[in-house]
Amino acid sequence: MLRLAFGLLRARPSLFTGPATALLMAVAVITMFGSLIATAIGGRGGSRLGMIGGAFGEIAMLMALFTVTNTLSFSVRGQSREMALLRTSGATPAQIRRLIRCQVLWLTLFVSPLAWLLGSWGATWFLKELAARDIVPADATLMWSPWPLLTGTAVTLLVGVGAAKIAARRSVRGRPATVLAQAAEQTKTGWLRGIAGLLVIAGSVPLVVFTSEQSADKSAQVALLGSLLFLVAVGLLGPLLARLSIVLLGVPFRLMGRSHGGDAGGALAADNLRGHAHRLSSAVVPIALLVGLSTTFASVSGTLQEVAPPGTYAESDIWLRGVELAMLAGFGAVATVNTLASLTTARRREYALLALTGATRRQLLRMLGTEAILTALAGTVLGILTAAPMSMAFASAARGELLPVIAFHTYAPVVLGPVALTVLTILLTGVRATSEPAVTAVAAR
């Protein structure tokens, strides 16, 4: 089974680029903050280091593991046809699951050595920066230990195996012929998933109240965790929220398409996205995650900068949150690019069928451009709405007002960055996906 798993990795390396990158970053982040905590336990970093490593590592690790789950799910889903063919050849569901676990094992072991080096280097650099800002003693030195490295690999592997197991359910359920025929996409949201999303939102409401009643420094960390909870709810309710957002945001594009006799591609793009809510939610959720967390960080940092007296710990806290924001933006970018590129590439046959029915390549690219803008807008709006409750709760705790302080020059890249990343990823991948002759693409898969 290990040999077969390795063979599939070699046969389709592009399918596993995203998961490998996410696994690399996850192991590196856990190694980095684990090394800082180990140094604090060893007494070489001062009393604050353990608190910083735990608090900031908690958020970064959750983001890393979310990215791993997202990218591995796409990787497994992209192999649905191969898995169905294996089942028609006699492979059992248990063997398919074991094959996917072996793929995760290969990828994790492959990226771990480089991740250990990056994590150790990151911990050393971070500790020096903390010392330069008098947050930890000037003579603080990183204590080497194998446990953060091994823990990073073990935790990432466990999460990866769990994510792959969940993603593999559709490949092993039902008859192989049925899976082979469908091989792609759900059409409706499960009731259990919807109820879970509503329960998460209901459970987050008391946290909003709790955040508004804390001191500024405690409220800041709770606000970030609360935003993650709301983002989990967005992930669970993604198809419903994505469809609703496209219905509202797609109105001007439909009107534009009708005014141009349908040539603008607006109506086609809006209707196409609305009709594939699950596919759209897979693209929107990573964008919402990136924008939502970035918005919360910008709100916390901007508000702290206004209320913090000069020379206090809160000023150093602002710098630390800037570093964490950059780290989380990296994870969000990986998840977003991997998801959008995978979804766009998987639609080659759809583009080819449109071309065979008379659509020109210019019209296809215009449709893709419209879809990219709609997807980016939907993700951005959902991200801002997701960040609003906890950002407002923190603002209430820190300055007694509901509106947080956000500097425009720092917040503009938070919104424009994901939009530009979304549009460029979809268009560049779309150009490649539509370059293949239509007949060849239709016959391929």
Foldseek 3Di string as FASTA:
>chain_A
DLVVLVVVCVVCVVLCPLLLVLLLLQLLLLLQLVQQLVLVVVVQWDDCSNVLSVLLSVLLNVLSLVSNLLSLLLSLLVCLLVLLVVVVVPDALVNSLVSSLSNLVVSLVVSLVVSNVNNVVNNQVVSCVCCVVVVTPVRRDGDDDCVSSVVSSVVSSVSNSVSNVVSCPLSNDDHSVVSNVVSHADQDADPVLLVVLVVLVVVLVVLLVVLLADALVVSLSSLLVSLVSLLSSCLSCQLVLLLVLLVVVLVVLLVVCVVVVNQLLSVVLSVVCNRRSRLLSSQLSLLLVLLQSLVSLQLSLQQLVVQPDPPDVSVVVSVSSVVSNVSSNVSSLSSNLSSLLSSLLVCLLVLLVVVVVPDDLVSVLSNLLSNLQSSLVSSNVSNVVSSQSSSQSSSCNHPVGRDGGGDCVSSVCSSVVSSVSSNVSSNVSNVVSNPDNSVCSNPPD
